[in-house]
């Protein structure tokens, strides 16, 4: 499956983690099982499935950085090429990369397969936006309005400059003036500005604020 790097960045799936997990799957797959390493991308996650369960270890061992090698020569080659770090720290470092987000990667193993799920840290279902705001949103909200509200849910207190940088990743034709106009004309029920014009920022309103 061909996936452009720009698309991964746009979806905010950590690209370096996808690379590491794919290389890990290649190094530790059981090639006697007639199956392929499968890499799937969804709006909310990336999923890597590799043939072969955990080799001579438990899931707790793996989560704590224990090293086991099903294919030691393959691991050695990738290590010498500088493509992997042969220290057994891939999974612990992957967990650490998500520590500041409300979602976490998932690792599951069966006897014959190993599954890695890397969440998209910027993915929000529409109901996850509306829940803290109103029950439910009844006024029509434009695509730009939804993008603004998503950005503010993840980054409360940011100003229109930062909002522009975030939103233009998905909507490159949107200008800062368009964002200001959307905030002042169409989102006043859901969004408020706090602080001074110089140092303040925008926040989603809670139900008690309305």
C-alpha atoms as a PDB file:
ATOM      1  CA  UNK A   1       0.000   0.000   0.000  1.00  0.00           C
ATOM      2  CA  UNK A   2       1.461   3.338  -1.048  1.00  0.00           C
ATOM      3  CA  UNK A   3       1.198   6.065   1.575  1.00  0.00           C
ATOM      4  CA  UNK A   4       2.675   9.521   1.146  1.00  0.00           C
ATOM      5  CA  UNK A   5       4.657  10.923   4.058  1.00  0.00           C
ATOM      6  CA  UNK A   6       2.621  14.137   3.852  1.00  0.00           C
ATOM      7  CA  UNK A   7      -0.577  12.171   4.460  1.00  0.00           C
ATOM      8  CA  UNK A   8       0.864  10.607   7.604  1.00  0.00           C
ATOM      9  CA  UNK A   9       1.952  14.001   8.897  1.00  0.00           C
ATOM     10  CA  UNK A  10      -1.468  15.431   8.109  1.00  0.00           C
ATOM     11  CA  UNK A  11      -3.121  12.697  10.143  1.00  0.00           C
ATOM     12  CA  UNK A  12      -0.563  13.085  12.908  1.00  0.00           C
ATOM     13  CA  UNK A  13       0.287   9.410  13.114  1.00  0.00           C
ATOM     14  CA  UNK A  14       3.886   9.420  14.391  1.00  0.00           C
ATOM     15  CA  UNK A  15       5.818   8.503  11.244  1.00  0.00           C
ATOM     16  CA  UNK A  16       8.975   7.394  13.044  1.00  0.00           C
ATOM     17  CA  UNK A  17       6.926   4.950  15.110  1.00  0.00           C
ATOM     18  CA  UNK A  18       5.328   3.438  12.013  1.00  0.00           C
ATOM     19  CA  UNK A  19       8.789   2.975  10.532  1.00  0.00           C
ATOM     20  CA  UNK A  20      10.060   1.353  13.709  1.00  0.00           C
ATOM     21  CA  UNK A  21       7.108  -0.985  14.080  1.00  0.00           C
ATOM     22  CA  UNK A  22       7.311  -2.047  10.424  1.00  0.00           C
ATOM     23  CA  UNK A  23      11.024  -2.797  10.744  1.00  0.00           C
ATOM     24  CA  UNK A  24      10.291  -4.672  13.970  1.00  0.00           C
ATOM     25  CA  UNK A  25       7.686  -6.755  12.141  1.00  0.00           C
ATOM     26  CA  UNK A  26      10.158  -7.563   9.362  1.00  0.00           C
ATOM     27  CA  UNK A  27      12.869  -8.596  11.828  1.00  0.00           C
ATOM     28  CA  UNK A  28      10.697 -10.756  14.057  1.00  0.00           C
ATOM     29  CA  UNK A  29       8.151 -12.278  11.672  1.00  0.00           C
ATOM     30  CA  UNK A  30       7.782 -16.040  11.433  1.00  0.00           C
ATOM     31  CA  UNK A  31       8.495 -16.639   7.765  1.00  0.00           C
ATOM     32  CA  UNK A  32       7.395 -20.276   7.985  1.00  0.00           C
ATOM     33  CA  UNK A  33       3.804 -19.044   8.314  1.00  0.00           C
ATOM     34  CA  UNK A  34       2.273 -18.470   4.898  1.00  0.00           C
ATOM     35  CA  UNK A  35       1.097 -14.942   5.511  1.00  0.00           C
ATOM     36  CA  UNK A  36       2.234 -11.405   4.820  1.00  0.00           C
ATOM     37  CA  UNK A  37       3.133  -8.435   6.989  1.00  0.00           C
ATOM     38  CA  UNK A  38       0.070  -6.243   6.631  1.00  0.00           C
ATOM     39  CA  UNK A  39       0.115  -2.465   7.086  1.00  0.00           C
ATOM     40  CA  UNK A  40      -3.255  -0.723   7.179  1.00  0.00           C
ATOM     41  CA  UNK A  41      -4.127   2.944   7.536  1.00  0.00           C
ATOM     42  CA  UNK A  42      -7.459   4.206   8.852  1.00  0.00           C
ATOM     43  CA  UNK A  43      -8.639   7.721   9.766  1.00  0.00           C
ATOM     44  CA  UNK A  44      -8.079   7.010  13.467  1.00  0.00           C
ATOM     45  CA  UNK A  45      -5.092   4.630  13.439  1.00  0.00           C
ATOM     46  CA  UNK A  46      -2.397   2.658  11.673  1.00  0.00           C
ATOM     47  CA  UNK A  47      -2.328  -1.109  12.201  1.00  0.00           C
ATOM     48  CA  UNK A  48       0.586  -3.474  11.559  1.00  0.00           C
ATOM     49  CA  UNK A  49      -0.033  -7.218  11.586  1.00  0.00           C
ATOM     50  CA  UNK A  50       2.866  -9.655  11.343  1.00  0.00           C
ATOM     51  CA  UNK A  51       2.952 -13.461  11.252  1.00  0.00           C
ATOM     52  CA  UNK A  52       4.443 -15.024  14.350  1.00  0.00           C
ATOM     53  CA  UNK A  53       3.516 -14.447  17.965  1.00  0.00           C
ATOM     54  CA  UNK A  54       5.977 -13.468  20.676  1.00  0.00           C
ATOM     55  CA  UNK A  55       9.130 -15.575  20.532  1.00  0.00           C
ATOM     56  CA  UNK A  56      10.308 -17.109  23.832  1.00  0.00           C
ATOM     57  CA  UNK A  57       8.887 -14.306  26.000  1.00  0.00           C
ATOM     58  CA  UNK A  58       5.656 -12.974  27.468  1.00  0.00           C
ATOM     59  CA  UNK A  59       3.862  -9.754  26.596  1.00  0.00           C
ATOM     60  CA  UNK A  60       5.015  -8.270  29.908  1.00  0.00           C
ATOM     61  CA  UNK A  61       8.606  -9.128  28.998  1.00  0.00           C
ATOM     62  CA  UNK A  62       8.280  -7.401  25.641  1.00  0.00           C
ATOM     63  CA  UNK A  63       6.625  -4.309  27.147  1.00  0.00           C
ATOM     64  CA  UNK A  64       9.552  -4.027  29.547  1.00  0.00           C
ATOM     65  CA  UNK A  65      12.158  -4.141  26.800  1.00  0.00           C
ATOM     66  CA  UNK A  66      13.236  -7.788  26.984  1.00  0.00           C
ATOM     67  CA  UNK A  67      15.035  -8.902  23.796  1.00  0.00           C
ATOM     68  CA  UNK A  68      14.299 -12.164  22.026  1.00  0.00           C
ATOM     69  CA  UNK A  69      15.339 -13.027  18.495  1.00  0.00           C
ATOM     70  CA  UNK A  70      13.425 -15.286  16.156  1.00  0.00           C
ATOM     71  CA  UNK A  71      15.659 -14.165  13.266  1.00  0.00           C
ATOM     72  CA  UNK A  72      19.003 -13.135  14.846  1.00  0.00           C
ATOM     73  CA  UNK A  73      20.882 -12.812  11.553  1.00  0.00           C
ATOM     74  CA  UNK A  74      18.205 -10.545  10.104  1.00  0.00           C
ATOM     75  CA  UNK A  75      18.310  -8.402  13.250  1.00  0.00           C
ATOM     76  CA  UNK A  76      22.100  -8.238  12.953  1.00  0.00           C
ATOM     77  CA  UNK A  77      21.917  -7.070   9.323  1.00  0.00           C
ATOM     78  CA  UNK A  78      19.383  -4.321  10.053  1.00  0.00           C
ATOM     79  CA  UNK A  79      21.441  -3.262  13.075  1.00  0.00           C
ATOM     80  CA  UNK A  80      24.608  -2.975  10.991  1.00  0.00           C
ATOM     81  CA  UNK A  81      22.736  -0.944   8.387  1.00  0.00           C
ATOM     82  CA  UNK A  82      21.730   1.484  11.134  1.00  0.00           C
ATOM     83  CA  UNK A  83      18.047   0.917  10.504  1.00  0.00           C
ATOM     84  CA  UNK A  84      17.213  -0.379  13.985  1.00  0.00           C
ATOM     85  CA  UNK A  85      18.518   0.019  17.509  1.00  0.00           C
ATOM     86  CA  UNK A  86      19.333  -3.446  18.769  1.00  0.00           C
ATOM     87  CA  UNK A  87      18.409  -2.753  22.392  1.00  0.00           C
ATOM     88  CA  UNK A  88      14.841  -4.052  22.712  1.00  0.00           C
ATOM     89  CA  UNK A  89      13.540  -0.562  23.483  1.00  0.00           C
ATOM     90  CA  UNK A  90      11.182  -0.113  20.527  1.00  0.00           C
ATOM     91  CA  UNK A  91       7.920  -0.862  22.316  1.00  0.00           C
ATOM     92  CA  UNK A  92       8.742   1.046  25.548  1.00  0.00           C
ATOM     93  CA  UNK A  93       9.795   4.071  23.449  1.00  0.00           C
ATOM     94  CA  UNK A  94       6.611   3.810  21.427  1.00  0.00           C
ATOM     95  CA  UNK A  95       4.557   3.946  24.633  1.00  0.00           C
ATOM     96  CA  UNK A  96       6.622   6.909  25.823  1.00  0.00           C
ATOM     97  CA  UNK A  97       5.911   8.810  22.591  1.00  0.00           C
ATOM     98  CA  UNK A  98       2.193   8.800  23.416  1.00  0.00           C
ATOM     99  CA  UNK A  99       2.505   9.857  27.060  1.00  0.00           C
ATOM    100  CA  UNK A 100       1.137  13.373  26.447  1.00  0.00           C
ATOM    101  CA  UNK A 101      -1.928  12.211  24.508  1.00  0.00           C
ATOM    102  CA  UNK A 102      -5.253  10.761  25.524  1.00  0.00           C
ATOM    103  CA  UNK A 103      -4.736   7.712  23.331  1.00  0.00           C
ATOM    104  CA  UNK A 104      -2.231   4.888  23.627  1.00  0.00           C
ATOM    105  CA  UNK A 105      -0.760   2.341  21.215  1.00  0.00           C
ATOM    106  CA  UNK A 106      -1.970  -1.234  21.547  1.00  0.00           C
ATOM    107  CA  UNK A 107       0.076  -4.422  21.318  1.00  0.00           C
ATOM    108  CA  UNK A 108      -1.640  -7.794  21.081  1.00  0.00           C
ATOM    109  CA  UNK A 109      -0.306 -11.257  20.364  1.00  0.00           C
ATOM    110  CA  UNK A 110      -1.784 -14.630  19.537  1.00  0.00           C
ATOM    111  CA  UNK A 111       0.097 -17.841  18.963  1.00  0.00           C
ATOM    112  CA  UNK A 112       0.608 -17.031  15.295  1.00  0.00           C
ATOM    113  CA  UNK A 113       0.282 -13.251  14.897  1.00  0.00           C
ATOM    114  CA  UNK A 114       1.405  -9.990  16.468  1.00  0.00           C
ATOM    115  CA  UNK A 115      -0.718  -6.840  16.178  1.00  0.00           C
ATOM    116  CA  UNK A 116       0.376  -3.227  16.672  1.00  0.00           C
ATOM    117  CA  UNK A 117      -2.123  -0.353  16.611  1.00  0.00           C
ATOM    118  CA  UNK A 118      -0.817   3.221  16.524  1.00  0.00           C
ATOM    119  CA  UNK A 119      -3.596   5.778  17.113  1.00  0.00           C
ATOM    120  CA  UNK A 120      -3.876   8.995  15.140  1.00  0.00           C
ATOM    121  CA  UNK A 121      -3.352  11.562  17.909  1.00  0.00           C
ATOM    122  CA  UNK A 122      -5.406  14.176  16.039  1.00  0.00           C
ATOM    123  CA  UNK A 123      -8.429  12.013  15.312  1.00  0.00           C
ATOM    124  CA  UNK A 124     -11.677  13.109  16.924  1.00  0.00           C
ATOM    125  CA  UNK A 125     -15.116  11.756  16.156  1.00  0.00           C
ATOM    126  CA  UNK A 126     -17.750  14.422  15.792  1.00  0.00           C
ATOM    127  CA  UNK A 127     -19.470  13.283  18.995  1.00  0.00           C
ATOM    128  CA  UNK A 128     -16.212  13.677  20.933  1.00  0.00           C
ATOM    129  CA  UNK A 129     -16.272  17.335  19.972  1.00  0.00           C
ATOM    130  CA  UNK A 130     -19.908  17.924  20.728  1.00  0.00           C
ATOM    131  CA  UNK A 131     -20.041  16.068  24.051  1.00  0.00           C
ATOM    132  CA  UNK A 132     -18.221  18.722  26.127  1.00  0.00           C
ATOM    133  CA  UNK A 133     -20.017  21.534  24.343  1.00  0.00           C
ATOM    134  CA  UNK A 134     -23.701  20.813  23.965  1.00  0.00           C
ATOM    135  CA  UNK A 135     -26.219  17.927  23.756  1.00  0.00           C
ATOM    136  CA  UNK A 136     -25.942  17.772  20.774  1.00  0.00           C
ATOM    137  CA  UNK A 137     -24.922  20.610  18.450  1.00  0.00           C
ATOM    138  CA  UNK A 138     -28.082  21.615  16.622  1.00  0.00           C
ATOM    139  CA  UNK A 139     -26.769  24.645  14.731  1.00  0.00           C
ATOM    140  CA  UNK A 140     -25.082  23.855  11.411  1.00  0.00           C
ATOM    141  CA  UNK A 141     -21.308  24.100  11.618  1.00  0.00           C
ATOM    142  CA  UNK A 142     -19.085  24.391   8.573  1.00  0.00           C
ATOM    143  CA  UNK A 143     -16.105  22.163   7.871  1.00  0.00           C
ATOM    144  CA  UNK A 144     -13.877  25.055   8.891  1.00  0.00           C
ATOM    145  CA  UNK A 145     -15.798  25.435  12.140  1.00  0.00           C
ATOM    146  CA  UNK A 146     -15.322  21.752  12.949  1.00  0.00           C
ATOM    147  CA  UNK A 147     -11.603  21.987  12.194  1.00  0.00           C
ATOM    148  CA  UNK A 148     -11.324  24.981  14.538  1.00  0.00           C
ATOM    149  CA  UNK A 149     -13.141  23.135  17.310  1.00  0.00           C
ATOM    150  CA  UNK A 150     -10.977  20.041  16.865  1.00  0.00           C
ATOM    151  CA  UNK A 151      -7.848  22.169  17.084  1.00  0.00           C
ATOM    152  CA  UNK A 152      -9.076  23.932  20.227  1.00  0.00           C
ATOM    153  CA  UNK A 153     -10.026  20.662  21.915  1.00  0.00           C
ATOM    154  CA  UNK A 154      -6.463  19.429  21.456  1.00  0.00           C
ATOM    155  CA  UNK A 155      -4.778  22.814  21.989  1.00  0.00           C
ATOM    156  CA  UNK A 156      -6.884  24.967  24.337  1.00  0.00           C
ATOM    157  CA  UNK A 157      -5.753  28.574  24.650  1.00  0.00           C
ATOM    158  CA  UNK A 158      -4.049  28.955  21.279  1.00  0.00           C
ATOM    159  CA  UNK A 159      -4.325  32.146  19.247  1.00  0.00           C
ATOM    160  CA  UNK A 160      -5.365  32.592  15.619  1.00  0.00           C
ATOM    161  CA  UNK A 161      -1.765  32.391  14.390  1.00  0.00           C
ATOM    162  CA  UNK A 162      -1.353  28.909  15.839  1.00  0.00           C
ATOM    163  CA  UNK A 163      -4.872  27.979  14.741  1.00  0.00           C
ATOM    164  CA  UNK A 164      -3.956  28.923  11.184  1.00  0.00           C
ATOM    165  CA  UNK A 165      -0.837  26.750  11.245  1.00  0.00           C
ATOM    166  CA  UNK A 166      -2.801  23.728  12.448  1.00  0.00           C
ATOM    167  CA  UNK A 167      -5.838  24.140  10.201  1.00  0.00           C
ATOM    168  CA  UNK A 168      -3.877  24.900   7.044  1.00  0.00           C
ATOM    169  CA  UNK A 169      -2.383  21.403   7.324  1.00  0.00           C
ATOM    170  CA  UNK A 170      -5.799  20.003   6.379  1.00  0.00           C
ATOM    171  CA  UNK A 171      -7.283  23.070   4.654  1.00  0.00           C
ATOM    172  CA  UNK A 172      -4.382  24.883   2.956  1.00  0.00           C
ATOM    173  CA  UNK A 173      -6.649  27.416   1.250  1.00  0.00           C
ATOM    174  CA  UNK A 174      -7.969  28.749   4.573  1.00  0.00           C
ATOM    175  CA  UNK A 175      -6.538  32.115   5.609  1.00  0.00           C
ATOM    176  CA  UNK A 176      -6.156  33.563   9.066  1.00  0.00           C
ATOM    177  CA  UNK A 177      -8.840  36.155   8.260  1.00  0.00           C
ATOM    178  CA  UNK A 178     -11.263  33.361   7.383  1.00  0.00           C
ATOM    179  CA  UNK A 179     -10.576  31.738  10.741  1.00  0.00           C
ATOM    180  CA  UNK A 180     -11.119  35.016  12.587  1.00  0.00           C
ATOM    181  CA  UNK A 181     -14.390  35.520  10.740  1.00  0.00           C
ATOM    182  CA  UNK A 182     -15.577  31.998  11.581  1.00  0.00           C
ATOM    183  CA  UNK A 183     -14.755  32.526  15.265  1.00  0.00           C
ATOM    184  CA  UNK A 184     -16.583  35.864  15.486  1.00  0.00           C
ATOM    185  CA  UNK A 185     -19.616  35.100  13.337  1.00  0.00           C
ATOM    186  CA  UNK A 186     -20.418  31.401  13.608  1.00  0.00           C
ATOM    187  CA  UNK A 187     -18.742  29.900  16.671  1.00  0.00           C
ATOM    188  CA  UNK A 188     -19.531  32.332  19.466  1.00  0.00           C
ATOM    189  CA  UNK A 189     -21.906  29.815  21.058  1.00  0.00           C
ATOM    190  CA  UNK A 190     -19.149  27.211  21.308  1.00  0.00           C
ATOM    191  CA  UNK A 191     -15.889  29.150  21.504  1.00  0.00           C
ATOM    192  CA  UNK A 192     -14.692  32.017  23.671  1.00  0.00           C
ATOM    193  CA  UNK A 193     -11.584  34.187  23.898  1.00  0.00           C
ATOM    194  CA  UNK A 194      -9.874  34.497  27.258  1.00  0.00           C
ATOM    195  CA  UNK A 195      -7.162  36.908  28.244  1.00  0.00           C
ATOM    196  CA  UNK A 196      -5.795  39.975  26.499  1.00  0.00           C
ATOM    197  CA  UNK A 197      -5.743  40.491  22.759  1.00  0.00           C
ATOM    198  CA  UNK A 198      -1.957  40.194  22.872  1.00  0.00           C
ATOM    199  CA  UNK A 199      -1.470  37.146  25.091  1.00  0.00           C
ATOM    200  CA  UNK A 200      -4.888  35.499  25.252  1.00  0.00           C
ATOM    201  CA  UNK A 201      -6.311  32.592  23.301  1.00  0.00           C
ATOM    202  CA  UNK A 202      -9.428  30.675  22.358  1.00  0.00           C
ATOM    203  CA  UNK A 203     -11.148  27.909  24.331  1.00  0.00           C
ATOM    204  CA  UNK A 204     -14.150  25.674  23.871  1.00  0.00           C
ATOM    205  CA  UNK A 205     -16.984  26.629  26.156  1.00  0.00           C
ATOM    206  CA  UNK A 206     -18.279  24.140  28.667  1.00  0.00           C
ATOM    207  CA  UNK A 207     -21.970  23.476  29.114  1.00  0.00           C
ATOM    208  CA  UNK A 208     -22.013  25.656  32.229  1.00  0.00           C
ATOM    209  CA  UNK A 209     -20.733  28.632  30.234  1.00  0.00           C
ATOM    210  CA  UNK A 210     -23.787  28.766  27.984  1.00  0.00           C
END
